[in-house]
Amino acid sequence: MWDGPFYRVRRDGYEICFVPGAGEHLDEVCNVDIWVIRDDGDRWSGTVFTLDEVHRIMDHQRQAGEPEGDYWWCWDGLIVRDAGVPSMVKVIDGLVAAGEHETVLRHVGPEENA
């Protein structure tokens, strides 16, 4: 469901919060920031990229003469095969079920009350 700029997918025990670009079709998302938020408030963040998007970024960087055109790294990046929020949700659900989201994504702790 949409919640302002966020697209939230509710699951049993957690939710996945996506931040797609304005006007971006959910089935075409290929580079998106996400949070996994457990019901106890604990959060993990990351950026999900498709293989094609990583290739596109590297090609752009190479054409610009940047050294990153020859390699790729991202501290809290998750590379998936297929584009689209539905495909990404399947991957993230699998990570959460296996507890691997705690390794793949960056732990950012509970949201601070302001």
C-alpha atoms as a PDB file:
ATOM      1  CA  MET A   1       0.000   0.000   0.000  1.00  0.00           C
ATOM      2  CA  TRP A   2       1.135   3.537  -0.676  1.00  0.00           C
ATOM      3  CA  ASP A   3       1.972   5.730   2.307  1.00  0.00           C
ATOM      4  CA  GLY A   4       3.162   9.066   0.928  1.00  0.00           C
ATOM      5  CA  PRO A   5       6.417   8.403  -0.960  1.00  0.00           C
ATOM      6  CA  PHE A   6       6.692   4.923   0.575  1.00  0.00           C
ATOM      7  CA  TYR A   7       5.287   1.663  -0.722  1.00  0.00           C
ATOM      8  CA  ARG A   8       4.741  -0.673   2.226  1.00  0.00           C
ATOM      9  CA  VAL A   9       4.294  -4.431   2.064  1.00  0.00           C
ATOM     10  CA  ARG A  10       2.923  -5.862   5.300  1.00  0.00           C
ATOM     11  CA  ARG A  11       4.007  -9.327   6.396  1.00  0.00           C
ATOM     12  CA  ASP A  12       3.463 -11.411   9.521  1.00  0.00           C
ATOM     13  CA  GLY A  13       5.960  -9.984  12.008  1.00  0.00           C
ATOM     14  CA  TYR A  14       7.493  -7.320   9.751  1.00  0.00           C
ATOM     15  CA  GLU A  15       6.952  -4.953   6.878  1.00  0.00           C
ATOM     16  CA  ILE A  16       9.062  -4.013   3.888  1.00  0.00           C
ATOM     17  CA  CYS A  17       9.138  -0.322   3.079  1.00  0.00           C
ATOM     18  CA  PHE A  18      10.208   0.675  -0.465  1.00  0.00           C
ATOM     19  CA  VAL A  19      11.044   4.184  -1.660  1.00  0.00           C
ATOM     20  CA  PRO A  20      10.525   4.069  -5.447  1.00  0.00           C
ATOM     21  CA  GLY A  21      11.097   7.091  -7.630  1.00  0.00           C
ATOM     22  CA  ALA A  22       8.176   9.437  -8.287  1.00  0.00           C
ATOM     23  CA  GLY A  23       6.018   7.940 -11.024  1.00  0.00           C
ATOM     24  CA  GLU A  24       8.064   4.751 -11.202  1.00  0.00           C
ATOM     25  CA  HIS A  25       5.948   1.712 -12.055  1.00  0.00           C
ATOM     26  CA  LEU A  26       6.247  -0.895  -9.276  1.00  0.00           C
ATOM     27  CA  ASP A  27       6.790  -3.733 -11.752  1.00  0.00           C
ATOM     28  CA  GLU A  28       9.793  -1.914 -13.244  1.00  0.00           C
ATOM     29  CA  VAL A  29      11.671  -0.851 -10.106  1.00  0.00           C
ATOM     30  CA  CYS A  30      15.354  -1.740 -10.531  1.00  0.00           C
ATOM     31  CA  ASN A  31      17.132   0.452  -7.956  1.00  0.00           C
ATOM     32  CA  VAL A  32      15.359   1.208  -4.684  1.00  0.00           C
ATOM     33  CA  ASP A  33      16.049   1.950  -1.044  1.00  0.00           C
ATOM     34  CA  ILE A  34      14.270  -0.331   1.391  1.00  0.00           C
ATOM     35  CA  TRP A  35      13.759  -0.964   5.078  1.00  0.00           C
ATOM     36  CA  VAL A  36      12.735  -4.148   6.794  1.00  0.00           C
ATOM     37  CA  ILE A  37      10.896  -3.126   9.948  1.00  0.00           C
ATOM     38  CA  ARG A  38      10.067  -5.800  12.489  1.00  0.00           C
ATOM     39  CA  ASP A  39       6.966  -5.499  14.665  1.00  0.00           C
ATOM     40  CA  ASP A  40       9.227  -4.765  17.660  1.00  0.00           C
ATOM     41  CA  GLY A  41      10.502  -1.652  15.804  1.00  0.00           C
ATOM     42  CA  ASP A  42      13.954  -2.998  14.934  1.00  0.00           C
ATOM     43  CA  ARG A  43      15.003  -1.920  11.416  1.00  0.00           C
ATOM     44  CA  TRP A  44      17.403  -2.917   8.662  1.00  0.00           C
ATOM     45  CA  SER A  45      18.087  -0.807   5.578  1.00  0.00           C
ATOM     46  CA  GLY A  46      19.550  -1.439   2.179  1.00  0.00           C
ATOM     47  CA  THR A  47      19.401  -0.683  -1.502  1.00  0.00           C
ATOM     48  CA  VAL A  48      18.138  -3.296  -3.933  1.00  0.00           C
ATOM     49  CA  PHE A  49      19.561  -3.314  -7.460  1.00  0.00           C
ATOM     50  CA  THR A  50      18.902  -5.611 -10.390  1.00  0.00           C
ATOM     51  CA  LEU A  51      21.803  -7.145 -12.280  1.00  0.00           C
ATOM     52  CA  ASP A  52      20.857  -5.024 -15.303  1.00  0.00           C
ATOM     53  CA  GLU A  53      20.865  -1.845 -13.204  1.00  0.00           C
ATOM     54  CA  VAL A  54      24.325  -2.576 -11.816  1.00  0.00           C
ATOM     55  CA  HIS A  55      25.549  -3.135 -15.373  1.00  0.00           C
ATOM     56  CA  ARG A  56      23.963   0.145 -16.513  1.00  0.00           C
ATOM     57  CA  ILE A  57      25.531   2.079 -13.620  1.00  0.00           C
ATOM     58  CA  MET A  58      28.963   0.576 -14.271  1.00  0.00           C
ATOM     59  CA  ASP A  59      28.724   1.377 -17.999  1.00  0.00           C
ATOM     60  CA  HIS A  60      27.768   4.968 -17.190  1.00  0.00           C
ATOM     61  CA  GLN A  61      30.681   5.296 -14.743  1.00  0.00           C
ATOM     62  CA  ARG A  62      33.126   3.799 -17.258  1.00  0.00           C
ATOM     63  CA  GLN A  63      31.956   6.211 -19.964  1.00  0.00           C
ATOM     64  CA  ALA A  64      32.440   9.068 -17.494  1.00  0.00           C
ATOM     65  CA  GLY A  65      36.022   7.884 -16.870  1.00  0.00           C
ATOM     66  CA  GLU A  66      35.338   6.998 -13.243  1.00  0.00           C
ATOM     67  CA  PRO A  67      37.265   4.100 -11.688  1.00  0.00           C
ATOM     68  CA  GLU A  68      34.002   2.598 -10.406  1.00  0.00           C
ATOM     69  CA  GLY A  69      33.266   1.623 -13.999  1.00  0.00           C
ATOM     70  CA  ASP A  70      35.589  -1.351 -13.499  1.00  0.00           C
ATOM     71  CA  TYR A  71      34.150  -2.694 -10.244  1.00  0.00           C
ATOM     72  CA  TRP A  72      31.035  -2.634  -8.094  1.00  0.00           C
ATOM     73  CA  TRP A  73      30.544  -2.519  -4.347  1.00  0.00           C
ATOM     74  CA  CYS A  74      27.850  -1.346  -2.030  1.00  0.00           C
ATOM     75  CA  TRP A  75      27.936  -1.836   1.741  1.00  0.00           C
ATOM     76  CA  ASP A  76      24.256  -2.582   2.213  1.00  0.00           C
ATOM     77  CA  GLY A  77      23.398  -3.454  -1.378  1.00  0.00           C
ATOM     78  CA  LEU A  78      21.365  -6.442  -2.438  1.00  0.00           C
ATOM     79  CA  ILE A  79      21.553  -7.515  -6.069  1.00  0.00           C
ATOM     80  CA  VAL A  80      18.550  -9.386  -7.417  1.00  0.00           C
ATOM     81  CA  ARG A  81      17.941 -10.992 -10.772  1.00  0.00           C
ATOM     82  CA  ASP A  82      14.502  -9.591 -11.609  1.00  0.00           C
ATOM     83  CA  ALA A  83      13.063  -6.072 -11.553  1.00  0.00           C
ATOM     84  CA  GLY A  84       9.891  -5.071  -9.779  1.00  0.00           C
ATOM     85  CA  VAL A  85       8.684  -4.779  -6.223  1.00  0.00           C
ATOM     86  CA  PRO A  86       6.845  -8.142  -6.337  1.00  0.00           C
ATOM     87  CA  SER A  87      10.064  -9.967  -7.282  1.00  0.00           C
ATOM     88  CA  MET A  88      12.041  -8.072  -4.668  1.00  0.00           C
ATOM     89  CA  VAL A  89       9.473  -8.893  -1.985  1.00  0.00           C
ATOM     90  CA  LYS A  90       9.942 -12.622  -2.691  1.00  0.00           C
ATOM     91  CA  VAL A  91      13.712 -12.290  -2.233  1.00  0.00           C
ATOM     92  CA  ILE A  92      13.385 -10.243   0.959  1.00  0.00           C
ATOM     93  CA  ASP A  93      10.795 -12.645   2.374  1.00  0.00           C
ATOM     94  CA  GLY A  94      13.296 -15.464   1.840  1.00  0.00           C
ATOM     95  CA  LEU A  95      16.060 -13.481   3.546  1.00  0.00           C
ATOM     96  CA  VAL A  96      13.845 -12.724   6.541  1.00  0.00           C
ATOM     97  CA  ALA A  97      12.660 -16.342   6.813  1.00  0.00           C
ATOM     98  CA  ALA A  98      16.293 -17.490   6.904  1.00  0.00           C
ATOM     99  CA  GLY A  99      17.424 -14.636   9.187  1.00  0.00           C
ATOM    100  CA  GLU A 100      19.857 -13.523   6.471  1.00  0.00           C
ATOM    101  CA  HIS A 101      18.431  -9.998   6.320  1.00  0.00           C
ATOM    102  CA  GLU A 102      20.482  -9.371   9.479  1.00  0.00           C
ATOM    103  CA  THR A 103      23.671 -10.034   7.494  1.00  0.00           C
ATOM    104  CA  VAL A 104      22.767  -8.671   4.063  1.00  0.00           C
ATOM    105  CA  LEU A 105      21.140  -5.427   5.180  1.00  0.00           C
ATOM    106  CA  ARG A 106      22.449  -2.726   7.521  1.00  0.00           C
ATOM    107  CA  HIS A 107      21.030  -2.808  11.033  1.00  0.00           C
ATOM    108  CA  VAL A 108      19.858   0.689  11.955  1.00  0.00           C
ATOM    109  CA  GLY A 109      18.071  -0.118  15.191  1.00  0.00           C
ATOM    110  CA  PRO A 110      14.675   1.069  16.310  1.00  0.00           C
ATOM    111  CA  GLU A 111      13.314   4.393  15.155  1.00  0.00           C
ATOM    112  CA  GLU A 112      14.068   7.102  17.689  1.00  0.00           C
ATOM    113  CA  ASN A 113      11.062   8.972  19.033  1.00  0.00           C
ATOM    114  CA  ALA A 114      11.587  12.663  18.507  1.00  0.00           C
END
